[in-house]
């Protein structure tokens, strides 16, 4: 077997990011994913750029390449009766259908919930929306930055002096895709017992709120509204990004034992009453950072990483993307795939983060060119 989902067929009607991220995760686990795209233009992200890369079949968007590995592409025109009939045939063959259309589109193309149950009662359907199914905001379009704002992510992200900032990747989209893929796999396990499919529904809003963790309970339980925190941890200190002679370092002193190892390295007495407990350090964080600063700024990031590693204190460099992908650890973990793209030739892509001990990871397919698999569809069983 190539991946634990080998043999599972996924009909992918999604576009942009949240849905394609979910189906890419399923493909990484071995599922056969057939991506349905608009004739001529395809997924909107094929036009997202620059940057674009020129290939033998025209330019390719690096945005599209990032979230569509492992898939096949077919073009279907939902206004054409013949193409709609083929779509319904593909529904009958699939194990999973994923969609992130605006409300009402599935009904318009003849794939309402009752019709899908009629076509394929064992089908697992994933539906991803921006703000959830129904309710006062259910009709709203779900774009990542809008939801990062509405879900509170931006209110806790950014420098202390503001303004609120979005996360550097489309995190609300990604979280919706991850939770959606999780729901699909859970439903496939349940289907193995009952033989019945079901609908799985999630949203960018739901996924973003699900990861609030302690920031959510600061309000729900303690009645405290979290605010912008810069690179500081709100409840543990010292824990954050600090300046060295030549750049920034992350240091995470997450216990009193670690504090006793760390304090002497930056010239602070372990029994200094100002910083005796974590609570003291959180309350006096500005004073603490000022006390640490002279020692940290006297040496380079690499020197400090080595010193802290020797002392057993967690620390790491704040790396740029080129430094990340040059890392021997990234290479060791196989986190970059080299795939043979139909237009670009060999390209390097971020790979799956999950490894399996027995059912090896599927050999990744390259992101497809538009309509590359028009004549094949799903592989025969």
Protein backbone atom coordinates (compact mmCIF):
# COMPACT_ATOMS: atom_id res chain seq x y z
CA UNK A 1 0.00 0.00 0.00
CA UNK A 2 1.06 3.58 -0.70
CA UNK A 3 -0.39 5.53 2.20
CA UNK A 4 -3.22 4.56 4.54
CA UNK A 5 -5.87 6.05 2.22
CA UNK A 6 -4.76 4.08 -0.84
CA UNK A 7 -7.83 3.07 -2.85
CA UNK A 8 -9.97 5.98 -1.62
CA UNK A 9 -11.31 8.15 -4.44
CA UNK A 10 -11.81 11.87 -3.80
CA UNK A 11 -13.80 14.07 -6.17
CA UNK A 12 -12.44 17.56 -5.58
CA UNK A 13 -14.77 20.41 -6.53
CA UNK A 14 -12.89 22.93 -4.38
CA UNK A 15 -10.87 25.95 -5.38
CA UNK A 16 -8.69 28.70 -3.92
CA UNK A 17 -7.07 27.40 -0.69
CA UNK A 18 -9.10 25.87 2.16
CA UNK A 19 -10.64 23.07 0.09
CA UNK A 20 -7.53 22.35 -1.99
CA UNK A 21 -5.48 22.15 1.23
CA UNK A 22 -7.88 19.51 2.58
CA UNK A 23 -7.74 17.44 -0.60
CA UNK A 24 -3.94 17.76 -0.75
CA UNK A 25 -3.77 16.27 2.74
CA UNK A 26 -5.94 13.36 1.58
CA UNK A 27 -3.69 12.90 -1.46
CA UNK A 28 -0.62 12.91 0.78
CA UNK A 29 -2.20 10.01 2.69
CA UNK A 30 -2.60 8.01 -0.53
CA UNK A 31 -6.08 8.93 -1.78
CA UNK A 32 -6.67 9.38 -5.51
CA UNK A 33 -7.81 12.99 -5.91
CA UNK A 34 -9.53 14.15 -9.09
CA UNK A 35 -9.67 17.95 -9.21
CA UNK A 36 -12.52 19.39 -11.28
CA UNK A 37 -11.74 22.79 -12.83
CA UNK A 38 -13.38 25.39 -15.05
CA UNK A 39 -12.48 24.91 -18.73
CA UNK A 40 -9.90 27.38 -19.98
CA UNK A 41 -9.06 29.11 -16.69
CA UNK A 42 -9.22 26.46 -13.98
CA UNK A 43 -8.83 27.12 -10.27
CA UNK A 44 -8.58 30.85 -9.49
CA UNK A 45 -5.16 30.31 -7.94
CA UNK A 46 -3.72 29.44 -11.36
CA UNK A 47 -3.85 33.21 -11.89
CA UNK A 48 -2.51 34.24 -8.48
CA UNK A 49 0.83 35.97 -8.85
CA UNK A 50 3.46 37.05 -9.45
CA UNK A 51 5.57 35.10 -9.05
CA UNK A 52 4.86 32.86 -12.02
CA UNK A 53 7.25 30.35 -13.59
CA UNK A 54 7.40 29.90 -17.35
CA UNK A 55 7.05 26.33 -18.63
CA UNK A 56 6.64 24.53 -21.93
CA UNK A 57 2.85 24.88 -21.68
CA UNK A 58 2.74 28.48 -20.46
CA UNK A 59 3.24 30.13 -17.11
CA UNK A 60 2.46 28.38 -13.82
CA UNK A 61 1.53 30.03 -10.51
CA UNK A 62 3.72 29.06 -7.58
CA UNK A 63 0.63 29.65 -5.40
CA UNK A 64 -1.25 26.89 -7.25
CA UNK A 65 1.78 24.58 -7.13
CA UNK A 66 1.96 24.94 -3.34
CA UNK A 67 -1.48 23.44 -2.57
CA UNK A 68 -2.25 21.01 -5.40
CA UNK A 69 0.40 18.32 -5.34
CA UNK A 70 -0.79 14.74 -5.62
CA UNK A 71 -3.88 15.49 -7.74
CA UNK A 72 -5.27 14.93 -11.21
CA UNK A 73 -7.13 17.63 -13.18
CA UNK A 74 -10.21 17.39 -15.38
CA UNK A 75 -12.12 20.28 -16.96
CA UNK A 76 -15.92 20.29 -16.64
CA UNK A 77 -18.35 23.03 -17.61
CA UNK A 78 -21.23 23.00 -15.15
CA UNK A 79 -23.46 24.80 -17.67
CA UNK A 80 -23.03 21.95 -20.18
CA UNK A 81 -25.47 19.05 -19.84
CA UNK A 82 -22.93 16.49 -21.01
CA UNK A 83 -20.32 17.67 -18.53
CA UNK A 84 -22.89 17.68 -15.72
CA UNK A 85 -23.79 14.09 -16.59
CA UNK A 86 -20.11 13.16 -16.38
CA UNK A 87 -19.87 14.94 -13.04
CA UNK A 88 -22.76 12.86 -11.70
CA UNK A 89 -21.08 9.70 -12.97
CA UNK A 90 -17.93 10.67 -11.10
CA UNK A 91 -20.00 11.17 -7.94
CA UNK A 92 -21.19 7.57 -8.26
CA UNK A 93 -17.56 6.37 -8.47
CA UNK A 94 -16.20 8.48 -5.60
CA UNK A 95 -15.77 7.73 -1.91
CA UNK A 96 -15.43 11.39 -0.94
CA UNK A 97 -16.66 14.65 -2.47
CA UNK A 98 -15.19 17.96 -1.32
CA UNK A 99 -16.68 21.38 -2.11
CA UNK A 100 -16.38 24.97 -0.94
CA UNK A 101 -18.93 26.70 -3.15
CA UNK A 102 -21.13 29.60 -2.13
CA UNK A 103 -24.45 28.48 -0.62
CA UNK A 104 -26.83 27.28 -3.31
CA UNK A 105 -24.28 26.29 -5.95
CA UNK A 106 -24.41 22.56 -5.17
CA UNK A 107 -28.19 22.60 -5.63
CA UNK A 108 -27.80 24.51 -8.89
CA UNK A 109 -25.59 21.78 -10.36
CA UNK A 110 -27.93 19.02 -9.25
CA UNK A 111 -25.95 17.91 -6.20
CA UNK A 112 -28.25 18.73 -3.32
CA UNK A 113 -27.95 16.63 -0.19
CA UNK A 114 -30.91 14.37 -1.14
CA UNK A 115 -29.62 13.97 -4.70
CA UNK A 116 -26.12 13.04 -3.52
CA UNK A 117 -27.61 10.47 -1.13
CA UNK A 118 -29.52 9.04 -4.10
CA UNK A 119 -26.48 8.96 -6.40
CA UNK A 120 -24.13 7.48 -3.79
CA UNK A 121 -25.44 6.68 -0.29
CA UNK A 122 -21.92 5.74 0.90
CA UNK A 123 -20.44 9.09 -0.13
CA UNK A 124 -18.65 11.24 2.46
CA UNK A 125 -19.15 14.91 1.58
CA UNK A 126 -16.93 17.68 2.92
CA UNK A 127 -18.36 21.19 2.77
CA UNK A 128 -16.15 24.14 3.74
CA UNK A 129 -17.60 27.64 4.06
CA UNK A 130 -16.32 30.94 5.38
CA UNK A 131 -18.64 31.48 8.32
CA UNK A 132 -20.47 28.17 8.72
CA UNK A 133 -23.70 26.60 7.57
CA UNK A 134 -26.64 28.95 8.17
CA UNK A 135 -26.91 31.58 10.87
CA UNK A 136 -26.74 35.35 10.42
CA UNK A 137 -23.30 35.20 8.72
CA UNK A 138 -23.66 31.94 6.80
CA UNK A 139 -24.18 33.78 3.51
CA UNK A 140 -20.89 35.69 3.73
CA UNK A 141 -17.89 34.89 1.54
CA UNK A 142 -14.95 33.50 3.46
CA UNK A 143 -11.66 35.12 2.55
CA UNK A 144 -8.76 34.34 4.84
CA UNK A 145 -7.82 37.81 6.02
CA UNK A 146 -11.44 38.75 6.68
CA UNK A 147 -11.84 35.68 8.89
CA UNK A 148 -8.49 36.20 10.61
CA UNK A 149 -9.94 39.53 11.69
CA UNK A 150 -13.42 38.30 12.59
CA UNK A 151 -12.12 35.24 14.46
CA UNK A 152 -9.83 37.28 16.71
CA UNK A 153 -6.54 35.99 15.26
CA UNK A 154 -5.42 39.47 14.21
CA UNK A 155 -6.33 40.95 17.59
CA UNK A 156 -3.56 38.93 19.27
CA UNK A 157 -1.01 39.15 16.44
CA UNK A 158 1.33 42.09 15.94
CA UNK A 159 3.63 44.46 17.81
CA UNK A 160 2.61 45.80 21.21
CA UNK A 161 2.08 49.27 19.77
CA UNK A 162 -0.10 47.88 16.96
CA UNK A 163 -1.61 47.68 14.46
CA UNK A 164 -3.18 44.19 14.52
CA UNK A 165 -1.52 41.95 11.93
CA UNK A 166 -2.48 38.88 9.96
CA UNK A 167 -0.43 35.71 10.24
CA UNK A 168 2.18 35.42 7.47
CA UNK A 169 0.40 32.45 5.86
CA UNK A 170 -3.37 32.12 5.19
CA UNK A 171 -3.87 30.36 8.48
CA UNK A 172 -7.69 30.48 8.60
CA UNK A 173 -7.87 28.80 5.19
CA UNK A 174 -5.28 26.21 6.17
CA UNK A 175 -6.99 25.38 9.47
CA UNK A 176 -10.36 24.89 7.75
CA UNK A 177 -8.68 22.51 5.30
CA UNK A 178 -6.94 20.58 8.06
CA UNK A 179 -10.07 20.18 10.16
CA UNK A 180 -12.01 19.26 7.04
CA UNK A 181 -9.56 16.50 6.16
CA UNK A 182 -9.74 15.27 9.76
CA UNK A 183 -13.53 15.11 9.50
CA UNK A 184 -13.34 13.17 6.25
CA UNK A 185 -11.01 10.55 7.69
CA UNK A 186 -13.16 10.20 10.82
CA UNK A 187 -16.22 9.69 8.61
CA UNK A 188 -14.45 7.08 6.48
CA UNK A 189 -13.69 5.11 9.65
CA UNK A 190 -17.35 5.34 10.66
CA UNK A 191 -18.45 4.32 7.15
CA UNK A 192 -16.35 1.17 7.42
CA UNK A 193 -18.66 0.12 10.28
CA UNK A 194 -22.01 1.26 8.91
CA UNK A 195 -21.59 1.41 5.13
CA UNK A 196 -23.19 4.86 5.15
CA UNK A 197 -21.79 8.20 4.12
CA UNK A 198 -22.45 11.57 5.74
CA UNK A 199 -21.82 15.29 5.37
CA UNK A 200 -18.86 16.88 7.14
CA UNK A 201 -19.14 20.64 7.60
CA UNK A 202 -16.53 23.09 8.81
CA UNK A 203 -15.59 26.69 8.18
CA UNK A 204 -12.75 29.16 8.30
CA UNK A 205 -14.39 30.75 11.34
CA UNK A 206 -14.77 27.44 13.20
CA UNK A 207 -11.21 26.32 12.49
CA UNK A 208 -9.76 29.64 13.62
CA UNK A 209 -11.71 29.64 16.88
CA UNK A 210 -10.74 26.00 17.51
CA UNK A 211 -7.08 26.99 17.83
CA UNK A 212 -7.59 29.87 20.29
CA UNK A 213 -6.54 27.47 23.09
CA UNK A 214 -5.44 29.46 26.17
CA UNK A 215 -6.19 32.78 24.44
CA UNK A 216 -9.84 31.72 24.25
CA UNK A 217 -10.03 30.63 27.87
CA UNK A 218 -8.36 33.85 28.99
CA UNK A 219 -11.69 35.42 28.04
CA UNK A 220 -14.18 32.56 28.49
CA UNK A 221 -12.91 31.50 31.92
CA UNK A 222 -10.84 34.38 33.31
CA UNK A 223 -12.79 37.26 31.77
CA UNK A 224 -9.64 38.84 30.34
CA UNK A 225 -9.61 40.08 26.74
CA UNK A 226 -6.22 39.18 25.21
CA UNK A 227 -4.48 41.90 23.24
CA UNK A 228 -1.48 42.29 20.99
CA UNK A 229 1.49 40.45 22.39
CA UNK A 230 4.29 41.03 19.88
CA UNK A 231 6.69 38.07 20.16
CA UNK A 232 6.14 37.71 23.91
CA UNK A 233 4.32 34.83 25.54
CA UNK A 234 1.47 36.20 27.68
CA UNK A 235 1.88 33.76 30.58
CA UNK A 236 5.51 32.48 30.50
CA UNK A 237 8.73 34.51 30.72
CA UNK A 238 11.33 34.71 29.40
CA UNK A 239 9.67 33.21 26.34
CA UNK A 240 9.86 34.99 22.99
CA UNK A 241 12.14 36.62 20.46
CA UNK A 242 15.13 38.61 21.65
CA UNK A 243 17.85 40.64 19.92
CA UNK A 244 21.41 39.34 19.65
CA UNK A 245 24.41 41.06 18.06
CA UNK A 246 23.44 40.03 14.51
CA UNK A 247 19.77 39.07 14.56
CA UNK A 248 16.88 37.59 16.50
CA UNK A 249 16.76 34.45 18.63
CA UNK A 250 13.78 32.65 20.14
CA UNK A 251 14.32 31.56 23.75
CA UNK A 252 11.74 29.50 25.64
CA UNK A 253 12.30 29.24 29.38
CA UNK A 254 9.27 27.14 30.16
CA UNK A 255 9.98 25.96 33.72
CA UNK A 256 11.70 27.02 36.91
CA UNK A 257 14.39 24.43 36.27
CA UNK A 258 15.16 26.03 32.92
CA UNK A 259 15.22 29.46 34.55
CA UNK A 260 17.92 28.30 36.96
CA UNK A 261 20.03 27.19 33.99
CA UNK A 262 19.32 30.27 31.93
CA UNK A 263 19.64 33.15 34.39
CA UNK A 264 23.42 32.86 35.02
CA UNK A 265 24.07 32.82 31.26
CA UNK A 266 22.63 36.34 30.94
CA UNK A 267 24.14 37.68 34.16
CA UNK A 268 21.07 37.47 36.37
CA UNK A 269 21.27 35.90 39.82
CA UNK A 270 19.02 32.87 40.13
CA UNK A 271 17.71 34.15 43.47
CA UNK A 272 17.13 37.73 42.26
CA UNK A 273 13.86 38.57 44.10
CA UNK A 274 12.53 40.55 41.13
CA UNK A 275 12.39 37.38 39.04
CA UNK A 276 12.00 34.63 41.62
CA UNK A 277 8.97 32.96 40.02
CA UNK A 278 7.44 32.82 36.58
CA UNK A 279 4.62 35.05 37.83
CA UNK A 280 7.18 37.63 38.96
CA UNK A 281 8.88 37.51 35.58
CA UNK A 282 5.60 37.97 33.70
CA UNK A 283 4.65 40.96 35.85
CA UNK A 284 8.10 42.54 35.37
CA UNK A 285 8.69 41.48 31.80
CA UNK A 286 10.02 44.85 30.61
CA UNK A 287 12.50 44.95 33.48
CA UNK A 288 13.47 41.34 32.76
CA UNK A 289 14.10 41.98 29.08
CA UNK A 290 16.20 45.04 29.92
CA UNK A 291 18.29 42.95 32.34
CA UNK A 292 18.87 40.24 29.73
CA UNK A 293 19.63 42.59 26.84
CA UNK A 294 23.33 43.48 27.44
CA UNK A 295 24.44 39.84 27.56
CA UNK A 296 22.33 38.76 24.57
CA UNK A 297 23.52 41.66 22.42
CA UNK A 298 27.15 40.89 23.20
CA UNK A 299 27.21 37.71 21.08
CA UNK A 300 25.80 36.41 17.80
CA UNK A 301 22.70 34.30 17.33
CA UNK A 302 24.77 31.23 16.48
CA UNK A 303 26.91 31.68 19.59
CA UNK A 304 23.85 31.97 21.79
CA UNK A 305 22.12 28.97 20.22
CA UNK A 306 25.24 26.91 20.95
CA UNK A 307 25.52 28.16 24.56
CA UNK A 308 21.85 27.58 25.30
CA UNK A 309 21.85 24.17 23.66
CA UNK A 310 24.81 23.14 25.82
CA UNK A 311 22.93 24.33 28.91
CA UNK A 312 19.78 22.49 27.87
CA UNK A 313 17.73 25.68 27.36
CA UNK A 314 15.45 25.60 24.29
CA UNK A 315 16.42 28.23 21.72
CA UNK A 316 16.50 28.71 17.98
CA UNK A 317 17.38 31.14 15.23
CA UNK A 318 14.69 33.16 13.46
CA UNK A 319 15.38 31.90 9.94
CA UNK A 320 14.51 33.17 6.50
CA UNK A 321 12.88 30.80 4.01
CA UNK A 322 16.13 30.14 2.14
CA UNK A 323 17.80 29.20 5.43
CA UNK A 324 14.91 26.87 6.32
CA UNK A 325 15.12 24.92 3.07
CA UNK A 326 18.92 24.68 3.35
CA UNK A 327 18.58 23.07 6.79
CA UNK A 328 20.09 19.58 7.19
CA UNK A 329 17.19 18.70 9.51
CA UNK A 330 14.62 19.58 6.84
CA UNK A 331 16.58 17.42 4.41
CA UNK A 332 16.80 14.56 6.93
CA UNK A 333 13.03 14.56 7.43
CA UNK A 334 12.33 14.55 3.69
CA UNK A 335 10.22 17.70 3.87
CA UNK A 336 10.94 18.73 0.29
CA UNK A 337 9.56 16.71 -2.64
CA UNK A 338 11.08 16.74 -6.11
CA UNK A 339 8.37 16.06 -8.69
CA UNK A 340 8.36 16.01 -12.49
CA UNK A 341 5.85 18.61 -13.62
CA UNK A 342 4.33 18.25 -17.10
CA UNK A 343 5.27 21.81 -18.06
CA UNK A 344 8.06 22.85 -15.69
CA UNK A 345 10.09 19.66 -15.46
CA UNK A 346 11.66 18.91 -12.07
CA UNK A 347 10.37 21.22 -9.33
CA UNK A 348 10.91 21.26 -5.57
CA UNK A 349 7.84 21.57 -3.36
CA UNK A 350 7.11 21.52 0.38
CA UNK A 351 6.28 17.90 1.20
CA UNK A 352 3.94 16.06 3.54
CA UNK A 353 4.79 16.42 7.25
CA UNK A 354 3.46 12.94 8.13
CA UNK A 355 5.40 9.67 7.94
CA UNK A 356 3.99 6.15 8.38
CA UNK A 357 5.84 3.14 9.75
CA UNK A 358 4.07 0.48 7.68
CA UNK A 359 1.92 1.99 4.94
CA UNK A 360 4.60 4.11 3.33
CA UNK A 361 3.80 7.57 2.04
CA UNK A 362 2.47 7.67 -1.51
CA UNK A 363 4.94 8.82 -4.15
CA UNK A 364 3.77 12.40 -4.69
CA UNK A 365 2.26 13.32 -8.03
CA UNK A 366 3.16 16.76 -9.37
CA UNK A 367 0.49 19.47 -9.34
CA UNK A 368 -1.48 18.93 -12.55
CA UNK A 369 -1.64 21.17 -15.58
CA UNK A 370 -5.17 22.27 -16.40
CA UNK A 371 -7.16 19.36 -17.85
CA UNK A 372 -4.15 17.05 -17.82
CA UNK A 373 -6.38 14.06 -17.04
CA UNK A 374 -9.46 14.93 -19.09
CA UNK A 375 -9.33 11.57 -20.87
CA UNK A 376 -8.73 9.39 -17.83
CA UNK A 377 -10.69 10.48 -14.76
CA UNK A 378 -10.50 8.06 -11.83
CA UNK A 379 -8.28 5.01 -12.27
CA UNK A 380 -10.28 1.79 -12.70
CA UNK A 381 -10.62 -0.36 -9.61
